[in-house]
Amino acid sequence: MSRRNLTTNKGKHMAEAHSYQMAIDLLCCHLGISEQEARAQLGLEAKEQTLQQQIVDTQHSLMGLSAEK
C-alpha cells in the first residue's frame, strides 16, 4: 500500500468517525459513559485498532523490502 493510500484510508476513517460524533455525544450524555466506551459500543474502537494494525504491518513489510536490497 502506498503512502497516498494510507493517507486516503486514514482520511476515510476520520470522516467516518466524524459522522458518528453525534451518536457518541448522545451515548455519553444519556448513558453517562466515556467517549471511549461510546466508541466501543458503536464498534468504532475495533476499526481504529484494525486500521492502526494494518498501518504497522504495511510499514514492517516495507522496511523488510528495503532491507533485502
N, C-alpha and C. Protein backbone atom coordinates (compact mmCIF):
# COMPACT_ATOMS: atom_id res chain seq x y z
N MET A 1 0.84 -1.17 0.00
CA MET A 1 0.00 0.00 0.00
C MET A 1 0.89 1.24 0.00
N SER A 2 0.63 2.17 -0.85
CA SER A 2 1.46 3.36 -0.91
C SER A 2 1.11 4.32 0.21
N ARG A 3 1.99 5.29 0.39
CA ARG A 3 1.75 6.30 1.43
C ARG A 3 0.46 7.06 1.13
N ARG A 4 0.20 7.31 -0.16
CA ARG A 4 -1.02 8.01 -0.54
C ARG A 4 -2.26 7.20 -0.14
N ASN A 5 -2.22 5.89 -0.37
CA ASN A 5 -3.35 5.04 0.01
C ASN A 5 -3.55 5.04 1.52
N LEU A 6 -2.46 5.03 2.28
CA LEU A 6 -2.58 5.08 3.73
C LEU A 6 -3.24 6.38 4.17
N THR A 7 -2.83 7.48 3.52
CA THR A 7 -3.42 8.78 3.85
C THR A 7 -4.89 8.81 3.47
N THR A 8 -5.24 8.25 2.31
CA THR A 8 -6.63 8.20 1.88
C THR A 8 -7.46 7.38 2.85
N ASN A 9 -6.95 6.21 3.24
CA ASN A 9 -7.67 5.36 4.19
C ASN A 9 -7.85 6.06 5.53
N LYS A 10 -6.82 6.76 5.98
CA LYS A 10 -6.92 7.47 7.24
C LYS A 10 -7.96 8.58 7.12
N GLY A 11 -7.99 9.26 5.98
CA GLY A 11 -8.98 10.31 5.75
C GLY A 11 -10.39 9.77 5.76
N LYS A 12 -10.59 8.62 5.15
CA LYS A 12 -11.92 7.99 5.15
C LYS A 12 -12.32 7.63 6.58
N HIS A 13 -11.35 7.11 7.33
CA HIS A 13 -11.62 6.73 8.71
C HIS A 13 -12.00 7.95 9.54
N MET A 14 -11.27 9.04 9.34
CA MET A 14 -11.56 10.26 10.10
C MET A 14 -12.95 10.78 9.75
N ALA A 15 -13.32 10.74 8.48
CA ALA A 15 -14.65 11.19 8.07
C ALA A 15 -15.72 10.30 8.68
N GLU A 16 -15.45 9.00 8.71
CA GLU A 16 -16.40 8.05 9.29
C GLU A 16 -16.57 8.32 10.78
N ALA A 17 -15.47 8.53 11.48
CA ALA A 17 -15.53 8.81 12.91
C ALA A 17 -16.29 10.11 13.16
N HIS A 18 -16.08 11.10 12.30
CA HIS A 18 -16.77 12.38 12.45
C HIS A 18 -18.28 12.18 12.29
N SER A 19 -18.71 11.33 11.38
CA SER A 19 -20.14 11.12 11.17
C SER A 19 -20.80 10.43 12.36
N TYR A 20 -20.02 9.79 13.20
CA TYR A 20 -20.56 9.12 14.39
C TYR A 20 -20.53 10.02 15.63
N GLN A 21 -19.99 11.23 15.49
CA GLN A 21 -19.80 12.08 16.66
C GLN A 21 -21.10 12.38 17.40
N MET A 22 -22.20 12.60 16.69
CA MET A 22 -23.47 12.89 17.35
C MET A 22 -23.92 11.68 18.17
N ALA A 23 -23.77 10.48 17.61
CA ALA A 23 -24.15 9.27 18.34
C ALA A 23 -23.27 9.09 19.58
N ILE A 24 -21.99 9.39 19.43
CA ILE A 24 -21.07 9.29 20.56
C ILE A 24 -21.49 10.26 21.66
N ASP A 25 -21.78 11.50 21.26
CA ASP A 25 -22.20 12.51 22.23
C ASP A 25 -23.49 12.10 22.95
N LEU A 26 -24.44 11.56 22.20
CA LEU A 26 -25.70 11.13 22.80
C LEU A 26 -25.48 10.02 23.82
N LEU A 27 -24.66 9.04 23.46
CA LEU A 27 -24.38 7.95 24.40
C LEU A 27 -23.70 8.47 25.65
N CYS A 28 -22.75 9.38 25.47
CA CYS A 28 -22.05 9.95 26.63
C CYS A 28 -23.00 10.70 27.55
N CYS A 29 -23.85 11.53 26.96
CA CYS A 29 -24.77 12.35 27.77
C CYS A 29 -25.87 11.52 28.42
N HIS A 30 -26.51 10.67 27.64
CA HIS A 30 -27.68 9.96 28.15
C HIS A 30 -27.35 8.73 28.99
N LEU A 31 -26.23 8.10 28.69
CA LEU A 31 -25.86 6.91 29.46
C LEU A 31 -24.77 7.19 30.49
N GLY A 32 -24.16 8.37 30.38
CA GLY A 32 -23.11 8.74 31.32
C GLY A 32 -21.85 7.92 31.17
N ILE A 33 -21.55 7.51 29.94
CA ILE A 33 -20.34 6.72 29.70
C ILE A 33 -19.28 7.60 29.06
N SER A 34 -18.05 7.13 29.08
CA SER A 34 -16.95 7.89 28.49
C SER A 34 -17.01 7.82 26.97
N GLU A 35 -16.27 8.71 26.33
CA GLU A 35 -16.23 8.71 24.87
C GLU A 35 -15.66 7.39 24.34
N GLN A 36 -14.65 6.88 25.01
CA GLN A 36 -14.05 5.61 24.59
C GLN A 36 -15.06 4.47 24.71
N GLU A 37 -15.84 4.45 25.78
CA GLU A 37 -16.87 3.42 25.94
C GLU A 37 -17.95 3.55 24.86
N ALA A 38 -18.31 4.79 24.53
CA ALA A 38 -19.30 5.02 23.49
C ALA A 38 -18.79 4.53 22.14
N ARG A 39 -17.53 4.81 21.85
CA ARG A 39 -16.93 4.33 20.59
C ARG A 39 -16.94 2.80 20.53
N ALA A 40 -16.65 2.17 21.66
CA ALA A 40 -16.67 0.71 21.71
C ALA A 40 -18.08 0.18 21.48
N GLN A 41 -19.08 0.85 22.07
CA GLN A 41 -20.48 0.44 21.88
C GLN A 41 -20.89 0.53 20.41
N LEU A 42 -20.35 1.52 19.71
CA LEU A 42 -20.68 1.71 18.29
C LEU A 42 -19.80 0.85 17.37
N GLY A 43 -18.84 0.16 17.95
CA GLY A 43 -17.96 -0.68 17.15
C GLY A 43 -16.84 0.08 16.47
N LEU A 44 -16.58 1.29 16.91
CA LEU A 44 -15.53 2.10 16.29
C LEU A 44 -14.16 1.78 16.83
N GLU A 45 -14.05 1.34 18.06
CA GLU A 45 -12.75 1.03 18.65
C GLU A 45 -12.05 -0.07 17.86
N ALA A 46 -12.77 -1.10 17.52
CA ALA A 46 -12.17 -2.21 16.79
C ALA A 46 -11.66 -1.75 15.43
N LYS A 47 -12.41 -0.87 14.77
CA LYS A 47 -12.00 -0.37 13.46
C LYS A 47 -10.73 0.45 13.58
N GLU A 48 -10.62 1.28 14.62
CA GLU A 48 -9.43 2.09 14.81
C GLU A 48 -8.21 1.21 15.05
N GLN A 49 -8.37 0.18 15.89
CA GLN A 49 -7.27 -0.72 16.19
C GLN A 49 -6.86 -1.50 14.94
N THR A 50 -7.84 -1.93 14.15
CA THR A 50 -7.56 -2.67 12.93
C THR A 50 -6.80 -1.80 11.94
N LEU A 51 -7.23 -0.56 11.78
CA LEU A 51 -6.56 0.36 10.87
C LEU A 51 -5.13 0.60 11.32
N GLN A 52 -4.92 0.83 12.60
CA GLN A 52 -3.57 1.04 13.12
C GLN A 52 -2.70 -0.20 12.89
N GLN A 53 -3.26 -1.39 13.10
CA GLN A 53 -2.50 -2.62 12.89
C GLN A 53 -2.14 -2.79 11.42
N GLN A 54 -3.04 -2.44 10.51
CA GLN A 54 -2.76 -2.52 9.09
C GLN A 54 -1.62 -1.58 8.71
N ILE A 55 -1.61 -0.39 9.28
CA ILE A 55 -0.55 0.57 9.00
C ILE A 55 0.79 0.03 9.49
N VAL A 56 0.81 -0.51 10.70
CA VAL A 56 2.04 -1.06 11.27
C VAL A 56 2.53 -2.24 10.42
N ASP A 57 1.63 -3.13 10.03
CA ASP A 57 2.01 -4.28 9.21
C ASP A 57 2.59 -3.84 7.88
N THR A 58 1.99 -2.84 7.26
CA THR A 58 2.47 -2.33 5.98
C THR A 58 3.85 -1.71 6.15
N GLN A 59 4.05 -0.94 7.20
CA GLN A 59 5.35 -0.32 7.45
C GLN A 59 6.42 -1.38 7.66
N HIS A 60 6.10 -2.42 8.42
CA HIS A 60 7.07 -3.50 8.65
C HIS A 60 7.40 -4.21 7.35
N SER A 61 6.40 -4.44 6.51
CA SER A 61 6.63 -5.09 5.22
C SER A 61 7.54 -4.25 4.34
N LEU A 62 7.29 -2.95 4.32
CA LEU A 62 8.11 -2.06 3.50
C LEU A 62 9.54 -1.98 4.02
N MET A 63 9.72 -1.99 5.33
CA MET A 63 11.07 -1.98 5.89
C MET A 63 11.79 -3.27 5.53
N GLY A 64 11.08 -4.38 5.51
CA GLY A 64 11.68 -5.65 5.14
C GLY A 64 12.11 -5.66 3.68
N LEU A 65 11.33 -5.04 2.82
CA LEU A 65 11.68 -4.96 1.40
C LEU A 65 12.93 -4.11 1.20
N SER A 66 13.04 -3.01 1.89
CA SER A 66 14.21 -2.14 1.72
C SER A 66 15.46 -2.78 2.32
N ALA A 67 15.31 -3.61 3.35
CA ALA A 67 16.45 -4.28 3.97
C ALA A 67 17.00 -5.38 3.08
N GLU A 68 16.15 -5.96 2.22
CA GLU A 68 16.58 -7.05 1.34
C GLU A 68 17.40 -6.57 0.16
N LYS A 69 17.34 -5.30 -0.17
CA LYS A 69 18.06 -4.76 -1.35
C LYS A 69 19.54 -4.80 -1.17
